[in-house]
N, C-alpha and C. Protein backbone atom coordinates (compact mmCIF):
# COMPACT_ATOMS: atom_id res chain seq x y z
N UNK A 1 -27.60 7.06 -47.14
CA UNK A 1 -27.43 7.94 -46.00
C UNK A 1 -27.53 7.18 -44.68
N UNK A 2 -28.50 6.29 -44.62
CA UNK A 2 -28.68 5.50 -43.39
C UNK A 2 -27.47 4.61 -43.15
N UNK A 3 -26.88 4.08 -44.21
CA UNK A 3 -25.70 3.22 -44.07
C UNK A 3 -24.50 4.02 -43.53
N UNK A 4 -24.37 5.23 -43.97
CA UNK A 4 -23.28 6.09 -43.50
C UNK A 4 -23.45 6.39 -42.02
N UNK A 5 -24.67 6.73 -41.59
CA UNK A 5 -24.94 7.02 -40.18
C UNK A 5 -24.72 5.76 -39.34
N UNK A 6 -25.16 4.62 -39.84
CA UNK A 6 -24.95 3.35 -39.12
C UNK A 6 -23.47 3.01 -38.99
N UNK A 7 -22.73 3.21 -40.07
CA UNK A 7 -21.29 2.93 -40.04
C UNK A 7 -20.58 3.87 -39.07
N UNK A 8 -20.96 5.14 -39.07
CA UNK A 8 -20.36 6.09 -38.12
C UNK A 8 -20.69 5.72 -36.67
N UNK A 9 -21.92 5.27 -36.44
CA UNK A 9 -22.32 4.86 -35.08
C UNK A 9 -21.50 3.66 -34.63
N UNK A 10 -21.31 2.70 -35.53
CA UNK A 10 -20.51 1.51 -35.19
C UNK A 10 -19.07 1.92 -34.91
N UNK A 11 -18.51 2.80 -35.71
CA UNK A 11 -17.13 3.25 -35.51
C UNK A 11 -17.00 3.97 -34.16
N UNK A 12 -17.95 4.80 -33.83
CA UNK A 12 -17.91 5.52 -32.55
C UNK A 12 -18.00 4.55 -31.37
N UNK A 13 -18.87 3.56 -31.47
CA UNK A 13 -19.00 2.56 -30.39
C UNK A 13 -17.71 1.78 -30.24
N UNK A 14 -17.10 1.39 -31.36
CA UNK A 14 -15.83 0.65 -31.30
C UNK A 14 -14.75 1.51 -30.67
N UNK A 15 -14.68 2.77 -31.00
CA UNK A 15 -13.68 3.66 -30.40
C UNK A 15 -13.91 3.82 -28.90
N UNK A 16 -15.15 3.92 -28.49
CA UNK A 16 -15.46 4.06 -27.05
C UNK A 16 -15.02 2.81 -26.30
N UNK A 17 -15.31 1.64 -26.87
CA UNK A 17 -14.91 0.38 -26.22
C UNK A 17 -13.39 0.28 -26.15
N UNK A 18 -12.71 0.61 -27.24
CA UNK A 18 -11.24 0.56 -27.26
C UNK A 18 -10.65 1.53 -26.25
N UNK A 19 -11.21 2.74 -26.18
CA UNK A 19 -10.70 3.74 -25.23
C UNK A 19 -10.92 3.28 -23.80
N UNK A 20 -12.04 2.63 -23.52
CA UNK A 20 -12.31 2.13 -22.17
C UNK A 20 -11.32 1.03 -21.79
N UNK A 21 -11.05 0.12 -22.72
CA UNK A 21 -10.07 -0.93 -22.45
C UNK A 21 -8.69 -0.34 -22.20
N UNK A 22 -8.32 0.61 -23.04
CA UNK A 22 -7.01 1.25 -22.89
C UNK A 22 -6.92 1.98 -21.55
N UNK A 23 -8.00 2.64 -21.17
CA UNK A 23 -8.02 3.36 -19.89
C UNK A 23 -7.92 2.39 -18.72
N UNK A 24 -8.60 1.25 -18.80
CA UNK A 24 -8.52 0.27 -17.71
C UNK A 24 -7.11 -0.30 -17.59
N UNK A 25 -6.43 -0.52 -18.73
CA UNK A 25 -5.04 -1.00 -18.68
C UNK A 25 -4.13 0.04 -18.05
N UNK A 26 -4.33 1.31 -18.42
CA UNK A 26 -3.51 2.38 -17.83
C UNK A 26 -3.76 2.50 -16.34
N UNK A 27 -5.03 2.38 -15.94
CA UNK A 27 -5.37 2.47 -14.53
C UNK A 27 -4.73 1.32 -13.74
N UNK A 28 -4.77 0.12 -14.32
CA UNK A 28 -4.17 -1.04 -13.66
C UNK A 28 -2.66 -0.85 -13.50
N UNK A 29 -2.00 -0.37 -14.54
CA UNK A 29 -0.57 -0.12 -14.47
C UNK A 29 -0.25 0.97 -13.45
N UNK A 30 -1.07 2.02 -13.42
CA UNK A 30 -0.85 3.11 -12.46
C UNK A 30 -1.04 2.61 -11.03
N UNK A 31 -2.01 1.73 -10.80
CA UNK A 31 -2.21 1.19 -9.46
C UNK A 31 -1.03 0.34 -9.02
N UNK A 32 -0.51 -0.49 -9.95
CA UNK A 32 0.66 -1.30 -9.62
C UNK A 32 1.87 -0.42 -9.31
N UNK A 33 2.05 0.62 -10.09
CA UNK A 33 3.16 1.53 -9.88
C UNK A 33 3.03 2.25 -8.54
N UNK A 34 1.83 2.66 -8.22
CA UNK A 34 1.57 3.34 -6.95
C UNK A 34 1.85 2.40 -5.77
N UNK A 35 1.44 1.13 -5.89
CA UNK A 35 1.71 0.16 -4.83
C UNK A 35 3.21 -0.03 -4.64
N UNK A 36 3.95 -0.10 -5.75
CA UNK A 36 5.40 -0.22 -5.64
C UNK A 36 6.02 0.99 -4.95
N UNK A 37 5.53 2.19 -5.29
CA UNK A 37 6.04 3.40 -4.67
C UNK A 37 5.75 3.41 -3.17
N UNK A 38 4.58 2.96 -2.80
CA UNK A 38 4.20 2.94 -1.38
C UNK A 38 5.09 1.97 -0.61
N UNK A 39 5.35 0.78 -1.17
CA UNK A 39 6.21 -0.18 -0.47
C UNK A 39 7.63 0.34 -0.35
N UNK A 40 8.13 0.98 -1.43
CA UNK A 40 9.48 1.54 -1.37
C UNK A 40 9.55 2.68 -0.35
N UNK A 41 8.52 3.51 -0.30
CA UNK A 41 8.49 4.61 0.66
C UNK A 41 8.45 4.08 2.09
N UNK A 42 7.67 3.00 2.32
CA UNK A 42 7.62 2.42 3.65
C UNK A 42 8.97 1.85 4.06
N UNK A 43 9.65 1.17 3.13
CA UNK A 43 10.99 0.65 3.42
C UNK A 43 11.94 1.80 3.75
N UNK A 44 11.86 2.86 2.96
CA UNK A 44 12.73 4.00 3.18
C UNK A 44 12.45 4.63 4.55
N UNK A 45 11.18 4.73 4.93
CA UNK A 45 10.84 5.31 6.23
C UNK A 45 11.37 4.45 7.38
N UNK A 46 11.32 3.13 7.23
CA UNK A 46 11.85 2.25 8.27
C UNK A 46 13.37 2.43 8.38
N UNK A 47 14.06 2.45 7.26
CA UNK A 47 15.51 2.66 7.28
C UNK A 47 15.87 4.03 7.86
N UNK A 48 15.10 5.03 7.49
CA UNK A 48 15.34 6.39 8.00
C UNK A 48 15.15 6.44 9.51
N UNK A 49 14.10 5.77 10.00
CA UNK A 49 13.86 5.76 11.45
C UNK A 49 14.98 5.04 12.18
N UNK A 50 15.47 3.95 11.61
CA UNK A 50 16.58 3.22 12.23
C UNK A 50 17.84 4.09 12.27
N UNK A 51 18.10 4.80 11.20
CA UNK A 51 19.28 5.68 11.19
C UNK A 51 19.13 6.81 12.20
N UNK A 52 17.93 7.38 12.28
CA UNK A 52 17.71 8.45 13.26
C UNK A 52 17.88 7.93 14.69
N UNK A 53 17.39 6.71 14.94
CA UNK A 53 17.57 6.12 16.26
C UNK A 53 19.04 5.92 16.58
N UNK A 54 19.80 5.46 15.59
CA UNK A 54 21.24 5.25 15.81
C UNK A 54 21.96 6.56 16.07
N UNK A 55 21.58 7.59 15.33
CA UNK A 55 22.24 8.89 15.48
C UNK A 55 21.91 9.52 16.83
N UNK A 56 20.65 9.40 17.25
CA UNK A 56 20.20 10.08 18.46
C UNK A 56 20.47 9.31 19.75
N UNK A 57 20.83 8.04 19.63
CA UNK A 57 21.10 7.25 20.83
C UNK A 57 22.41 7.72 21.47
N UNK A 58 22.41 7.89 22.80
CA UNK A 58 23.64 8.33 23.46
C UNK A 58 24.76 7.30 23.38
N UNK A 59 24.40 6.01 23.48
CA UNK A 59 25.42 4.96 23.38
C UNK A 59 24.85 3.80 22.58
N UNK A 60 25.74 2.91 22.19
CA UNK A 60 25.32 1.72 21.45
C UNK A 60 24.48 0.81 22.33
N UNK A 61 24.85 0.69 23.61
CA UNK A 61 24.09 -0.15 24.53
C UNK A 61 22.66 0.37 24.70
N UNK A 62 22.53 1.68 24.77
CA UNK A 62 21.20 2.29 24.90
C UNK A 62 20.34 1.94 23.68
N UNK A 63 20.94 1.98 22.50
CA UNK A 63 20.24 1.66 21.27
C UNK A 63 19.79 0.21 21.26
N UNK A 64 20.68 -0.71 21.61
CA UNK A 64 20.34 -2.13 21.62
C UNK A 64 19.28 -2.44 22.67
N UNK A 65 19.34 -1.77 23.81
CA UNK A 65 18.34 -1.96 24.85
C UNK A 65 16.96 -1.51 24.33
N UNK A 66 16.92 -0.39 23.64
CA UNK A 66 15.67 0.12 23.08
C UNK A 66 15.11 -0.85 22.03
N UNK A 67 15.98 -1.38 21.16
CA UNK A 67 15.54 -2.34 20.15
C UNK A 67 15.01 -3.62 20.79
N UNK A 68 15.65 -4.07 21.87
CA UNK A 68 15.18 -5.26 22.56
C UNK A 68 13.80 -5.02 23.16
N UNK A 69 13.58 -3.83 23.70
CA UNK A 69 12.26 -3.49 24.25
C UNK A 69 11.18 -3.54 23.16
N UNK A 70 11.51 -3.02 22.00
CA UNK A 70 10.54 -3.01 20.90
C UNK A 70 10.21 -4.43 20.47
N UNK A 71 11.22 -5.29 20.38
CA UNK A 71 11.00 -6.68 19.96
C UNK A 71 10.16 -7.41 21.00
N UNK A 72 10.46 -7.20 22.28
CA UNK A 72 9.67 -7.84 23.34
C UNK A 72 8.23 -7.36 23.33
N UNK A 73 8.02 -6.08 23.07
CA UNK A 73 6.67 -5.53 23.06
C UNK A 73 5.86 -6.08 21.88
N UNK A 74 6.53 -6.34 20.77
CA UNK A 74 5.80 -6.85 19.61
C UNK A 74 5.51 -8.34 19.72
N UNK A 75 6.23 -9.06 20.59
CA UNK A 75 6.04 -10.50 20.74
C UNK A 75 5.14 -10.88 21.92
N UNK A 76 4.53 -9.92 22.57
CA UNK A 76 3.67 -10.21 23.73
C UNK A 76 2.40 -10.89 23.23
N UNK A 77 2.09 -12.09 23.77
CA UNK A 77 0.87 -12.77 23.33
C UNK A 77 -0.37 -12.05 23.88
N UNK A 78 -1.43 -12.11 23.11
CA UNK A 78 -2.67 -11.45 23.52
C UNK A 78 -3.42 -12.38 24.46
N UNK A 79 -3.81 -11.86 25.62
CA UNK A 79 -4.54 -12.67 26.59
C UNK A 79 -6.00 -12.73 26.19
N UNK A 80 -6.56 -13.94 26.26
CA UNK A 80 -7.98 -14.08 25.95
C UNK A 80 -8.79 -13.71 27.19
N UNK A 81 -9.85 -12.98 26.98
CA UNK A 81 -10.70 -12.58 28.11
C UNK A 81 -12.02 -13.32 28.01
N UNK A 82 -12.50 -13.73 29.17
CA UNK A 82 -13.80 -14.40 29.21
C UNK A 82 -14.88 -13.35 29.34
N UNK A 83 -15.91 -13.42 28.51
CA UNK A 83 -16.99 -12.43 28.64
C UNK A 83 -17.76 -12.64 29.93
N UNK A 84 -18.16 -11.56 30.54
CA UNK A 84 -18.93 -11.63 31.78
C UNK A 84 -20.38 -11.98 31.46
N UNK A 85 -20.94 -12.82 32.32
CA UNK A 85 -22.33 -13.22 32.13
C UNK A 85 -23.20 -12.41 33.07
N UNK A 86 -24.34 -12.01 32.57
CA UNK A 86 -25.28 -11.24 33.39
C UNK A 86 -26.06 -12.21 34.25
N UNK A 87 -26.15 -11.91 35.55
CA UNK A 87 -26.85 -12.82 36.48
C UNK A 87 -28.25 -12.31 36.70
């Protein structure tokens, strides 16, 4: 009787360990899939915004001027500030 209970306990422990490993693999795969979906959604949102800008711009020159402004704004170097000293 004790051998049967011991064998059942070992089988249950092995199943719990196997289920945990399987769950961690599924979780890892789901995280990778979710990351891929997020990157694809971000790409789609950027393309969508560009198309909306093209559609809503009154002229092509206006659109290019707006894009140039965005590029210039993103390339502005950050000025270093000197901390003030207390006298």
